[in-house]
Every structure is written in C-alpha cells, then in structure tokens.
N, C-alpha and C. Protein backbone atom coordinates (compact mmCIF):
# COMPACT_ATOMS: atom_id res chain seq x y z
N MET A 1 1.00 -1.43 -0.29
CA MET A 1 0.21 0.57 0.23
C MET A 1 1.18 1.27 -0.34
N THR A 2 0.07 2.67 -0.95
CA THR A 2 1.07 3.33 -1.11
C THR A 2 1.63 4.27 0.11
N ASP A 3 1.36 5.09 0.14
CA ASP A 3 1.82 6.58 1.89
C ASP A 3 -0.07 7.34 1.37
N SER A 4 0.31 7.47 0.57
CA SER A 4 -1.24 7.79 -0.69
C SER A 4 -2.50 6.88 0.04
N GLU A 5 -2.49 6.38 -0.24
CA GLU A 5 -3.62 4.98 0.77
C GLU A 5 -3.92 4.57 1.71
N TRP A 6 -2.55 4.93 2.53
CA TRP A 6 -2.21 5.25 4.41
C TRP A 6 -3.53 6.06 4.15
N LYS A 7 -2.25 6.94 3.77
CA LYS A 7 -3.26 8.52 4.65
C LYS A 7 -4.68 8.47 3.91
N GLU A 8 -5.00 8.35 3.56
CA GLU A 8 -6.38 8.48 2.46
C GLU A 8 -6.99 7.52 3.71
N ARG A 9 -6.36 6.57 4.16
CA ARG A 9 -7.63 5.45 5.20
C ARG A 9 -7.63 6.22 5.98
N TRP A 10 -6.14 6.81 6.71
CA TRP A 10 -6.27 8.10 8.06
C TRP A 10 -7.37 8.39 7.56
N HIS A 11 -7.32 9.14 6.78
CA HIS A 11 -8.47 10.65 6.83
C HIS A 11 -9.34 9.99 7.01
N GLU A 12 -10.10 8.76 6.44
CA GLU A 12 -11.62 8.48 6.45
C GLU A 12 -11.67 7.90 7.32
N VAL A 13 -11.23 7.49 9.00
CA VAL A 13 -11.98 7.01 9.84
C VAL A 13 -11.14 7.98 10.61
N GLU A 14 -10.31 10.07 10.50
CA GLU A 14 -10.23 10.82 11.17
C GLU A 14 -11.31 11.45 10.82
N ARG A 15 -12.10 11.32 9.01
CA ARG A 15 -13.17 12.11 9.60
C ARG A 15 -14.66 11.30 9.87
N PHE A 16 -14.17 10.29 10.01
CA PHE A 16 -15.34 9.83 11.06
C PHE A 16 -16.01 9.73 12.67
N ARG A 17 -14.70 9.26 12.94
CA ARG A 17 -15.07 9.72 14.63
C ARG A 17 -15.17 11.44 15.11
N LEU A 18 -14.39 12.58 13.64
CA LEU A 18 -14.71 13.40 14.24
C LEU A 18 -17.25 13.84 13.92
N MET A 19 -16.98 13.15 12.84
CA MET A 19 -18.92 12.86 12.84
C MET A 19 -19.42 12.43 13.90
N ALA A 20 -18.88 11.23 14.63
CA ALA A 20 -19.27 10.74 15.29
C ALA A 20 -19.16 11.55 17.39
N HIS A 21 -17.94 12.47 16.84
CA HIS A 21 -17.24 13.49 17.74
C HIS A 21 -18.28 14.88 18.15
N GLU A 22 -19.30 15.13 16.53
CA GLU A 22 -19.91 16.14 16.45
C GLU A 22 -21.29 16.45 16.75
N THR A 23 -21.56 14.70 16.46
CA THR A 23 -23.20 15.00 16.12
C THR A 23 -24.02 14.74 17.88
N THR A 24 -25.11 15.16 17.63
CA THR A 24 -25.18 15.58 18.61
C THR A 24 -26.39 14.30 19.09
N ASP A 25 -26.22 12.78 18.00
CA ASP A 25 -28.25 12.06 17.86
C ASP A 25 -26.78 11.12 18.37
N PRO A 26 -27.67 9.96 19.50
CA PRO A 26 -26.66 9.30 20.17
C PRO A 26 -26.65 8.43 19.00
N VAL A 27 -28.03 7.62 18.89
CA VAL A 27 -27.99 6.37 17.72
C VAL A 27 -26.83 6.86 16.80
N ALA A 28 -27.24 7.80 15.80
CA ALA A 28 -25.82 8.55 15.09
C ALA A 28 -24.88 8.51 15.46
N ALA A 29 -23.77 9.12 17.04
CA ALA A 29 -22.73 8.72 17.69
C ALA A 29 -22.33 6.84 17.46
N ALA A 30 -23.34 6.37 18.49
CA ALA A 30 -23.44 4.84 18.55
C ALA A 30 -22.62 4.49 17.16
N LEU A 31 -23.39 4.59 16.06
CA LEU A 31 -23.25 4.05 14.91
C LEU A 31 -21.63 4.73 13.79
N LEU A 32 -21.58 6.24 14.06
CA LEU A 32 -20.35 5.76 13.60
C LEU A 32 -19.17 6.06 14.39
N LEU A 33 -19.47 5.70 16.07
CA LEU A 33 -17.97 5.26 16.42
C LEU A 33 -18.09 3.60 16.17
N ASP A 34 -18.72 3.12 15.67
CA ASP A 34 -19.10 1.13 15.57
C ASP A 34 -17.66 1.63 13.63
N ILE A 35 -17.93 2.02 12.52
CA ILE A 35 -17.59 2.80 12.07
C ILE A 35 -16.51 2.68 12.24
N VAL A 36 -15.98 3.37 13.36
CA VAL A 36 -13.97 4.12 13.58
C VAL A 36 -13.92 2.94 13.97
N LEU A 37 -14.43 2.13 14.48
CA LEU A 37 -14.11 0.65 15.04
C LEU A 37 -13.44 -0.07 13.51
N ASP A 38 -14.63 -0.59 13.76
CA ASP A 38 -14.53 -1.53 12.07
C ASP A 38 -13.49 -1.29 10.98
N LEU A 39 -13.29 0.38 10.71
CA LEU A 39 -11.94 1.11 10.11
C LEU A 39 -10.93 0.70 10.51
N GLU A 40 -11.06 1.28 12.02
CA GLU A 40 -9.71 1.20 12.74
C GLU A 40 -9.00 -0.80 12.86
N ALA A 41 -9.81 -1.48 12.97
CA ALA A 41 -9.36 -2.89 12.75
C ALA A 41 -9.11 -3.27 12.02
N GLY A 42 -9.45 -2.48 10.34
CA GLY A 42 -8.97 -3.34 8.82
C GLY A 42 -7.99 -2.15 9.18
N LEU A 43 -6.88 -1.48 8.64
CA LEU A 43 -6.00 -0.48 9.32
C LEU A 43 -4.96 -1.54 10.20
N ASN A 44 -5.51 -2.16 11.13
CA ASN A 44 -4.27 -2.99 11.69
C ASN A 44 -3.74 -3.79 11.21
N GLU A 45 -5.06 -4.52 10.67
CA GLU A 45 -4.91 -5.87 9.27
C GLU A 45 -3.80 -5.55 8.71
N LEU A 46 -4.12 -4.53 8.49
CA LEU A 46 -3.77 -4.06 6.93
C LEU A 46 -1.85 -4.31 7.40
N VAL A 47 -1.22 -3.45 8.38
CA VAL A 47 -0.38 -3.28 9.30
C VAL A 47 -0.07 -4.73 9.51
N ASP A 48 -0.66 -5.69 9.69
CA ASP A 48 -0.04 -6.73 10.32
C ASP A 48 0.56 -7.20 8.83
N VAL A 49 -0.41 -7.82 8.00
CA VAL A 49 0.04 -7.84 6.82
C VAL A 49 1.36 -7.65 6.48
N GLU A 50 0.68 -5.73 5.93
CA GLU A 50 2.58 -5.14 5.23
C GLU A 50 3.60 -5.68 6.31
N ALA A 51 3.32 -5.70 7.40
CA ALA A 51 5.13 -6.04 8.71
C ALA A 51 5.72 -7.41 8.10
N GLN A 52 4.45 -8.47 7.85
CA GLN A 52 4.57 -10.10 7.45
C GLN A 52 5.81 -10.30 5.99
N GLY A 53 5.63 -8.47 5.14
CA GLY A 53 6.68 -8.93 4.49
C GLY A 53 5.77 -10.03 3.17
N PRO A 54 6.52 -9.97 1.89
CA PRO A 54 6.18 -10.83 0.92
C PRO A 54 5.93 -11.51 0.97
N PRO A 55 5.09 -13.14 0.61
CA PRO A 55 4.76 -13.98 1.31
C PRO A 55 6.32 -14.90 0.65
N TRP A 56 6.84 -14.79 -0.32
CA TRP A 56 7.22 -16.11 -0.83
C TRP A 56 8.97 -15.29 0.60
N LEU A 57 9.01 -14.72 1.50
CA LEU A 57 10.05 -14.24 2.07
C LEU A 57 9.85 -14.66 3.42
N GLY A 58 8.59 -15.17 3.71
CA GLY A 58 8.52 -15.98 5.04
C GLY A 58 8.20 -14.79 5.78
N ALA A 59 7.39 -15.52 6.92
CA ALA A 59 7.50 -14.55 8.47
C ALA A 59 8.34 -13.30 8.55
N VAL A 60 8.82 -12.25 8.78
CA VAL A 60 9.12 -11.59 9.88
C VAL A 60 9.18 -11.54 11.46
N ALA A 61 10.35 -12.21 11.55
CA ALA A 61 10.38 -12.16 13.59
C ALA A 61 10.70 -11.38 14.65
C-alpha cells in the first residue's frame, strides 16, 4: 500500500471520528463510533499483513 493510500485511509477514520464527536444524536454517534472501530480494525490488519512482508520471504520475526 502506498503512502497516499495510507493517508487516505487514516483521513477516512479521522473524518468518521469527527462526525461521531460532533453529532448530537446518540444513535448516530454510536453507529459512527462502530464504523470507526471497523475502519481501525481494517487498518490494523493491513499493518499486520504488510509487516509480514511478501509471502515468498516468509514471516519476519
């Protein structure tokens, strides 16, 4: 994943986090926070996958 793709994903997480903070509707805030958690989990998975390196090199310890 390129640097610009990482930045785009991070900005997406921040945008949803800001929306959750600014909303006055508790249901909407809860849904937005759930979206943030899902997006962060996806980013964490990508970090783990990229940390392992290419599959032909094996896992990096």
